[in-house]
Each structure stands twice: as C-alpha cells, then as structure tokens.
Amino acid sequence: MITVLIVFGLLFILLIYGVFIYNSLVQIKHNVAQAWSNIDVLLKQRHDELPKLVEACRQYKEFEQETLQRVTEARARVQQAREAGDISALGLAETVLRGGLGQIFATVEAYPELKTHAQFMQLMSRITDLENAIADRRELYNEAVNINNVRIEQFPDNIVAGMFHFPRRALLTFSQEEKRDPDLRALFG
C-alpha cells in the first residue's frame, strides 16, 4: 500500500512539474509573439511614413530617382515579408531598405533647400526615430526568441515542448552589409 502511495505521489509531482513547464513555455511563446507585435507596429508606422518622404524628395526634380525607386521597392518587400511573418525575408528586405534610406539621407546634403523643407525634416526625424525604435525592439525580440529556443532544447522542457509542438523561432538579423561602416566617399562623392 505504501509503495502505491509513493508511486501515485511521484506521478502527481511529475504531473504538477509538467504543468509548470508547459505554462512556462506558453508564457515564453507569448513573449515572443508580443515582441514581434511591437516590431510589427513600428514597421507599419514606418511603412506609412516612407511614401511621404519619397514624395517630399520627388518635389525636387533633380533628386536621384533611382534611389527613390529602390526605397519604394524595398518598402514593398518589407511589407510582404512582414505580412507573411517571414523573419528571414524581412531581415534581407530591411537591409535593402535601410541602405536606400541611408542613400536618401546622404543625397539630401546636395540639396540645401530640401534640408530646410519643414515637412521633409519632420519626416526624416520621424523615420530616424522609428529606425531607432525598431533596432531596440529587434534586440528585445531576439532576446525573447533566444529564451524560447534555449528552453525548448533544455531537458526536461524539450519533452514537454516536443509533446505540444512548441516551435523554434528565427532571430531577426540583418545582413553583414548593414553592420559594416558606410563608405562615406561613395555616399558623398
């Protein structure tokens, strides 16, 4: 009789521990989703601001149309990846978009009247603030993803994660091109 009680006691403790692990993994999964949602909101806001910036630049006929076209195309790719939730494609599209924005901001140096245009300066400031916020949120997202991925690989969490199909998540990374220092001669040459 005591052996049966000990076995049931151990099974009960294992069940409680399994529930604890499951609830912990659910919380982590929702933290990842919340971190992604925060990035998504900022990407949407930036997505809405970019056409205004491009239009402000287009008012200056000589402004580099090729750069504006690249930004517009990259914006569309970011939007597609964002809507699909494709983190890898988003990272690549973000790299192209940020490069195009860098070229716009650098090209503005050749247009003093554009630099003094109030709407352009406001948009440029707003987009820069959004870029900084996206970088901050990307760091939080990647931290949440890392916690998720570590927990679903650790024993005994991996058993519960496997039973309930908790997936690994992809980190939001940008290409090496974005991480290196810009070639200032090429931008201002």
C-alpha atoms as a PDB file:
ATOM      1  CA  MET A   1       0.000   0.000   0.000  1.00  0.00           C
ATOM      2  CA  ILE A   2       2.790   2.459   0.838  1.00  0.00           C
ATOM      3  CA  THR A   3       4.508   1.669  -2.454  1.00  0.00           C
ATOM      4  CA  VAL A   4       1.319   2.526  -4.354  1.00  0.00           C
ATOM      5  CA  LEU A   5       1.007   5.828  -2.471  1.00  0.00           C
ATOM      6  CA  ILE A   6       4.653   6.662  -3.209  1.00  0.00           C
ATOM      7  CA  VAL A   7       4.176   5.860  -6.912  1.00  0.00           C
ATOM      8  CA  PHE A   8       0.997   7.987  -7.090  1.00  0.00           C
ATOM      9  CA  GLY A   9       2.749  10.744  -5.145  1.00  0.00           C
ATOM     10  CA  LEU A  10       5.655  10.737  -7.590  1.00  0.00           C
ATOM     11  CA  LEU A  11       3.293  10.717 -10.578  1.00  0.00           C
ATOM     12  CA  PHE A  12       1.381  13.630  -9.067  1.00  0.00           C
ATOM     13  CA  ILE A  13       4.620  15.583  -8.562  1.00  0.00           C
ATOM     14  CA  LEU A  14       5.669  14.811 -12.159  1.00  0.00           C
ATOM     15  CA  LEU A  15       2.264  15.947 -13.401  1.00  0.00           C
ATOM     16  CA  ILE A  16       2.491  19.224 -11.464  1.00  0.00           C
ATOM     17  CA  TYR A  17       6.045  19.749 -12.709  1.00  0.00           C
ATOM     18  CA  GLY A  18       4.915  19.039 -16.307  1.00  0.00           C
ATOM     19  CA  VAL A  19       2.092  21.582 -15.949  1.00  0.00           C
ATOM     20  CA  PHE A  20       4.582  24.106 -14.589  1.00  0.00           C
ATOM     21  CA  ILE A  21       6.904  23.543 -17.573  1.00  0.00           C
ATOM     22  CA  TYR A  22       4.009  23.755 -20.038  1.00  0.00           C
ATOM     23  CA  ASN A  23       2.738  27.030 -18.563  1.00  0.00           C
ATOM     24  CA  SER A  24       6.247  28.451 -18.585  1.00  0.00           C
ATOM     25  CA  LEU A  25       6.686  27.545 -22.274  1.00  0.00           C
ATOM     26  CA  VAL A  26       3.310  29.110 -23.095  1.00  0.00           C
ATOM     27  CA  GLN A  27       4.398  32.337 -21.379  1.00  0.00           C
ATOM     28  CA  ILE A  28       7.650  32.359 -23.354  1.00  0.00           C
ATOM     29  CA  LYS A  29       5.769  31.720 -26.613  1.00  0.00           C
ATOM     30  CA  HIS A  30       3.529  34.704 -25.901  1.00  0.00           C
ATOM     31  CA  ASN A  31       6.532  36.872 -25.009  1.00  0.00           C
ATOM     32  CA  VAL A  32       7.970  36.121 -28.465  1.00  0.00           C
ATOM     33  CA  ALA A  33       4.631  36.964 -30.093  1.00  0.00           C
ATOM     34  CA  GLN A  34       4.380  40.209 -28.129  1.00  0.00           C
ATOM     35  CA  ALA A  35       7.945  41.196 -29.042  1.00  0.00           C
ATOM     36  CA  TRP A  36       7.160  40.523 -32.708  1.00  0.00           C
ATOM     37  CA  SER A  37       3.942  42.535 -32.435  1.00  0.00           C
ATOM     38  CA  ASN A  38       5.909  45.520 -31.111  1.00  0.00           C
ATOM     39  CA  ILE A  39       8.243  45.356 -34.117  1.00  0.00           C
ATOM     40  CA  ASP A  40       5.303  44.902 -36.461  1.00  0.00           C
ATOM     41  CA  VAL A  41       3.632  48.087 -35.191  1.00  0.00           C
ATOM     42  CA  LEU A  42       6.815  50.098 -35.773  1.00  0.00           C
ATOM     43  CA  LEU A  43       7.329  48.582 -39.228  1.00  0.00           C
ATOM     44  CA  LYS A  44       3.753  49.521 -40.122  1.00  0.00           C
ATOM     45  CA  GLN A  45       4.271  53.089 -38.910  1.00  0.00           C
ATOM     46  CA  ARG A  46       7.470  53.391 -40.924  1.00  0.00           C
ATOM     47  CA  HIS A  47       5.725  51.797 -43.906  1.00  0.00           C
ATOM     48  CA  ASP A  48       3.132  54.589 -43.726  1.00  0.00           C
ATOM     49  CA  GLU A  49       5.763  57.352 -43.459  1.00  0.00           C
ATOM     50  CA  LEU A  50       8.032  56.283 -46.334  1.00  0.00           C
ATOM     51  CA  PRO A  51       5.706  57.325 -49.194  1.00  0.00           C
ATOM     52  CA  LYS A  52       5.510  60.801 -47.667  1.00  0.00           C
ATOM     53  CA  LEU A  53       9.304  61.012 -47.546  1.00  0.00           C
ATOM     54  CA  VAL A  54       9.645  59.793 -51.132  1.00  0.00           C
ATOM     55  CA  GLU A  55       7.026  62.314 -52.275  1.00  0.00           C
ATOM     56  CA  ALA A  56       8.799  65.156 -50.470  1.00  0.00           C
ATOM     57  CA  CYS A  57      12.011  64.191 -52.287  1.00  0.00           C
ATOM     58  CA  ARG A  58      10.256  63.866 -55.657  1.00  0.00           C
ATOM     59  CA  GLN A  59       9.272  67.522 -55.454  1.00  0.00           C
ATOM     60  CA  TYR A  60      12.897  68.245 -56.276  1.00  0.00           C
ATOM     61  CA  LYS A  61      13.107  67.180 -59.912  1.00  0.00           C
ATOM     62  CA  GLU A  62      16.837  66.560 -59.869  1.00  0.00           C
ATOM     63  CA  PHE A  63      16.680  64.266 -56.854  1.00  0.00           C
ATOM     64  CA  GLU A  64      18.039  60.811 -57.563  1.00  0.00           C
ATOM     65  CA  GLN A  65      15.030  58.899 -58.908  1.00  0.00           C
ATOM     66  CA  GLU A  66      16.867  55.572 -58.830  1.00  0.00           C
ATOM     67  CA  THR A  67      17.330  55.852 -55.061  1.00  0.00           C
ATOM     68  CA  LEU A  68      13.655  56.688 -54.583  1.00  0.00           C
ATOM     69  CA  GLN A  69      12.684  53.696 -56.726  1.00  0.00           C
ATOM     70  CA  ARG A  70      14.901  51.359 -54.682  1.00  0.00           C
ATOM     71  CA  VAL A  71      13.348  52.603 -51.435  1.00  0.00           C
ATOM     72  CA  THR A  72       9.838  52.130 -52.830  1.00  0.00           C
ATOM     73  CA  GLU A  73      10.606  48.576 -53.987  1.00  0.00           C
ATOM     74  CA  ALA A  74      12.332  47.690 -50.718  1.00  0.00           C
ATOM     75  CA  ARG A  75       9.350  49.060 -48.799  1.00  0.00           C
ATOM     76  CA  ALA A  76       7.083  46.684 -50.715  1.00  0.00           C
ATOM     77  CA  ARG A  77       9.365  43.711 -49.954  1.00  0.00           C
ATOM     78  CA  VAL A  78       9.431  44.598 -46.244  1.00  0.00           C
ATOM     79  CA  GLN A  79       5.639  44.797 -46.240  1.00  0.00           C
ATOM     80  CA  GLN A  80       5.298  41.393 -47.936  1.00  0.00           C
ATOM     81  CA  ALA A  81       7.714  39.742 -45.508  1.00  0.00           C
ATOM     82  CA  ARG A  82       6.048  41.444 -42.538  1.00  0.00           C
ATOM     83  CA  GLU A  83       2.582  40.285 -43.576  1.00  0.00           C
ATOM     84  CA  ALA A  84       3.857  36.744 -44.191  1.00  0.00           C
ATOM     85  CA  GLY A  85       5.726  36.701 -40.876  1.00  0.00           C
ATOM     86  CA  ASP A  86       8.852  35.578 -42.768  1.00  0.00           C
ATOM     87  CA  ILE A  87      11.625  36.718 -40.419  1.00  0.00           C
ATOM     88  CA  SER A  88      14.475  35.733 -42.776  1.00  0.00           C
ATOM     89  CA  ALA A  89      12.989  37.597 -45.755  1.00  0.00           C
ATOM     90  CA  LEU A  90      12.223  40.553 -43.509  1.00  0.00           C
ATOM     91  CA  GLY A  91      15.855  40.780 -42.422  1.00  0.00           C
ATOM     92  CA  LEU A  92      17.045  40.844 -46.035  1.00  0.00           C
ATOM     93  CA  ALA A  93      14.407  43.361 -47.122  1.00  0.00           C
ATOM     94  CA  GLU A  94      15.197  45.565 -44.115  1.00  0.00           C
ATOM     95  CA  THR A  95      18.861  45.627 -45.115  1.00  0.00           C
ATOM     96  CA  VAL A  96      17.990  46.868 -48.608  1.00  0.00           C
ATOM     97  CA  LEU A  97      15.509  49.416 -47.262  1.00  0.00           C
ATOM     98  CA  ARG A  98      17.910  50.802 -44.683  1.00  0.00           C
ATOM     99  CA  GLY A  99      20.598  51.120 -47.344  1.00  0.00           C
ATOM    100  CA  GLY A 100      18.190  53.086 -49.534  1.00  0.00           C
ATOM    101  CA  LEU A 101      17.197  55.348 -46.653  1.00  0.00           C
ATOM    102  CA  GLY A 102      20.866  55.960 -45.929  1.00  0.00           C
ATOM    103  CA  GLN A 103      21.348  56.988 -49.544  1.00  0.00           C
ATOM    104  CA  ILE A 104      18.371  59.362 -49.377  1.00  0.00           C
ATOM    105  CA  PHE A 105      19.693  60.988 -46.221  1.00  0.00           C
ATOM    106  CA  ALA A 106      23.172  61.275 -47.717  1.00  0.00           C
ATOM    107  CA  THR A 107      21.892  62.631 -51.052  1.00  0.00           C
ATOM    108  CA  VAL A 108      19.961  65.339 -49.226  1.00  0.00           C
ATOM    109  CA  GLU A 109      23.304  67.000 -48.484  1.00  0.00           C
ATOM    110  CA  ALA A 110      23.406  68.069 -52.149  1.00  0.00           C
ATOM    111  CA  TYR A 111      20.015  69.817 -51.832  1.00  0.00           C
ATOM    112  CA  PRO A 112      20.232  72.619 -49.250  1.00  0.00           C
ATOM    113  CA  GLU A 113      16.683  73.754 -49.988  1.00  0.00           C
ATOM    114  CA  LEU A 114      15.386  70.258 -49.253  1.00  0.00           C
ATOM    115  CA  LYS A 115      17.283  70.197 -45.967  1.00  0.00           C
ATOM    116  CA  THR A 116      15.372  73.303 -44.907  1.00  0.00           C
ATOM    117  CA  HIS A 117      11.988  71.972 -46.090  1.00  0.00           C
ATOM    118  CA  ALA A 118       9.966  71.587 -42.857  1.00  0.00           C
ATOM    119  CA  GLN A 119       7.916  68.586 -43.957  1.00  0.00           C
ATOM    120  CA  PHE A 120      10.992  66.717 -45.175  1.00  0.00           C
ATOM    121  CA  MET A 121      12.902  67.399 -41.981  1.00  0.00           C
ATOM    122  CA  GLN A 122       9.939  66.292 -39.865  1.00  0.00           C
ATOM    123  CA  LEU A 123       9.592  63.070 -41.898  1.00  0.00           C
ATOM    124  CA  MET A 124      13.317  62.415 -41.758  1.00  0.00           C
ATOM    125  CA  SER A 125      13.280  62.860 -37.987  1.00  0.00           C
ATOM    126  CA  ARG A 126      10.218  60.638 -37.595  1.00  0.00           C
ATOM    127  CA  ILE A 127      11.724  57.849 -39.719  1.00  0.00           C
ATOM    128  CA  THR A 128      15.043  58.077 -37.863  1.00  0.00           C
ATOM    129  CA  ASP A 129      13.170  57.758 -34.559  1.00  0.00           C
ATOM    130  CA  LEU A 130      11.271  54.749 -35.928  1.00  0.00           C
ATOM    131  CA  GLU A 131      14.535  53.169 -37.115  1.00  0.00           C
ATOM    132  CA  ASN A 132      15.997  53.529 -33.641  1.00  0.00           C
ATOM    133  CA  ALA A 133      12.871  52.086 -32.048  1.00  0.00           C
ATOM    134  CA  ILE A 134      12.917  49.145 -34.487  1.00  0.00           C
ATOM    135  CA  ALA A 135      16.551  48.446 -33.564  1.00  0.00           C
ATOM    136  CA  ASP A 136      15.634  48.483 -29.856  1.00  0.00           C
ATOM    137  CA  ARG A 137      12.632  46.232 -30.380  1.00  0.00           C
ATOM    138  CA  ARG A 138      14.656  43.877 -32.570  1.00  0.00           C
ATOM    139  CA  GLU A 139      17.026  43.382 -29.660  1.00  0.00           C
ATOM    140  CA  LEU A 140      14.107  42.572 -27.326  1.00  0.00           C
ATOM    141  CA  TYR A 141      12.581  40.238 -29.907  1.00  0.00           C
ATOM    142  CA  ASN A 142      15.851  38.374 -30.416  1.00  0.00           C
ATOM    143  CA  GLU A 143      16.247  38.024 -26.648  1.00  0.00           C
ATOM    144  CA  ALA A 144      12.730  36.534 -26.362  1.00  0.00           C
ATOM    145  CA  VAL A 145      13.458  34.179 -29.284  1.00  0.00           C
ATOM    146  CA  ASN A 146      16.724  33.094 -27.698  1.00  0.00           C
ATOM    147  CA  ILE A 147      14.969  32.310 -24.395  1.00  0.00           C
ATOM    148  CA  ASN A 148      12.323  30.344 -26.324  1.00  0.00           C
ATOM    149  CA  ASN A 149      14.860  28.357 -28.321  1.00  0.00           C
ATOM    150  CA  VAL A 150      17.027  27.545 -25.304  1.00  0.00           C
ATOM    151  CA  ARG A 151      14.075  26.429 -23.192  1.00  0.00           C
ATOM    152  CA  ILE A 152      12.628  24.092 -25.817  1.00  0.00           C
ATOM    153  CA  GLU A 153      16.031  22.409 -26.146  1.00  0.00           C
ATOM    154  CA  GLN A 154      16.711  22.003 -22.420  1.00  0.00           C
ATOM    155  CA  PHE A 155      15.862  18.806 -20.594  1.00  0.00           C
ATOM    156  CA  PRO A 156      13.131  18.169 -19.388  1.00  0.00           C
ATOM    157  CA  ASP A 157      11.476  21.133 -21.124  1.00  0.00           C
ATOM    158  CA  ASN A 158      12.273  19.568 -24.510  1.00  0.00           C
ATOM    159  CA  ILE A 159       9.986  16.634 -23.679  1.00  0.00           C
ATOM    160  CA  VAL A 160       7.006  18.897 -22.967  1.00  0.00           C
ATOM    161  CA  ALA A 161       7.899  21.172 -25.915  1.00  0.00           C
ATOM    162  CA  GLY A 162       8.014  18.172 -28.236  1.00  0.00           C
ATOM    163  CA  MET A 163       4.735  16.761 -26.954  1.00  0.00           C
ATOM    164  CA  PHE A 164       2.924  20.052 -27.524  1.00  0.00           C
ATOM    165  CA  HIS A 165       4.819  21.120 -30.686  1.00  0.00           C
ATOM    166  CA  PHE A 166       6.416  24.328 -29.402  1.00  0.00           C
ATOM    167  CA  PRO A 167       8.462  25.532 -32.409  1.00  0.00           C
ATOM    168  CA  ARG A 168      11.889  27.111 -32.634  1.00  0.00           C
ATOM    169  CA  ARG A 169      11.727  30.733 -33.735  1.00  0.00           C
ATOM    170  CA  ALA A 170      14.045  32.569 -36.102  1.00  0.00           C
ATOM    171  CA  LEU A 171      16.149  35.508 -34.962  1.00  0.00           C
ATOM    172  CA  LEU A 172      15.614  38.787 -36.785  1.00  0.00           C
ATOM    173  CA  THR A 173      19.002  39.533 -38.301  1.00  0.00           C
ATOM    174  CA  PHE A 174      20.239  41.872 -40.971  1.00  0.00           C
ATOM    175  CA  SER A 175      22.960  41.147 -43.471  1.00  0.00           C
ATOM    176  CA  GLN A 176      26.629  41.865 -42.893  1.00  0.00           C
ATOM    177  CA  GLU A 177      26.279  44.769 -45.319  1.00  0.00           C
ATOM    178  CA  GLU A 178      24.262  46.750 -42.784  1.00  0.00           C
ATOM    179  CA  LYS A 179      26.669  46.006 -39.955  1.00  0.00           C
ATOM    180  CA  ARG A 180      29.758  47.400 -41.644  1.00  0.00           C
ATOM    181  CA  ASP A 181      30.670  51.079 -41.701  1.00  0.00           C
ATOM    182  CA  PRO A 182      29.278  53.023 -44.655  1.00  0.00           C
ATOM    183  CA  ASP A 183      31.583  54.120 -47.455  1.00  0.00           C
ATOM    184  CA  LEU A 184      31.325  57.885 -46.986  1.00  0.00           C
ATOM    185  CA  ARG A 185      33.192  58.627 -50.215  1.00  0.00           C
ATOM    186  CA  ALA A 186      30.604  56.678 -52.180  1.00  0.00           C
ATOM    187  CA  LEU A 187      27.732  58.376 -50.371  1.00  0.00           C
ATOM    188  CA  PHE A 188      29.054  61.935 -50.724  1.00  0.00           C
ATOM    189  CA  GLY A 189      31.222  61.541 -53.835  1.00  0.00           C
END
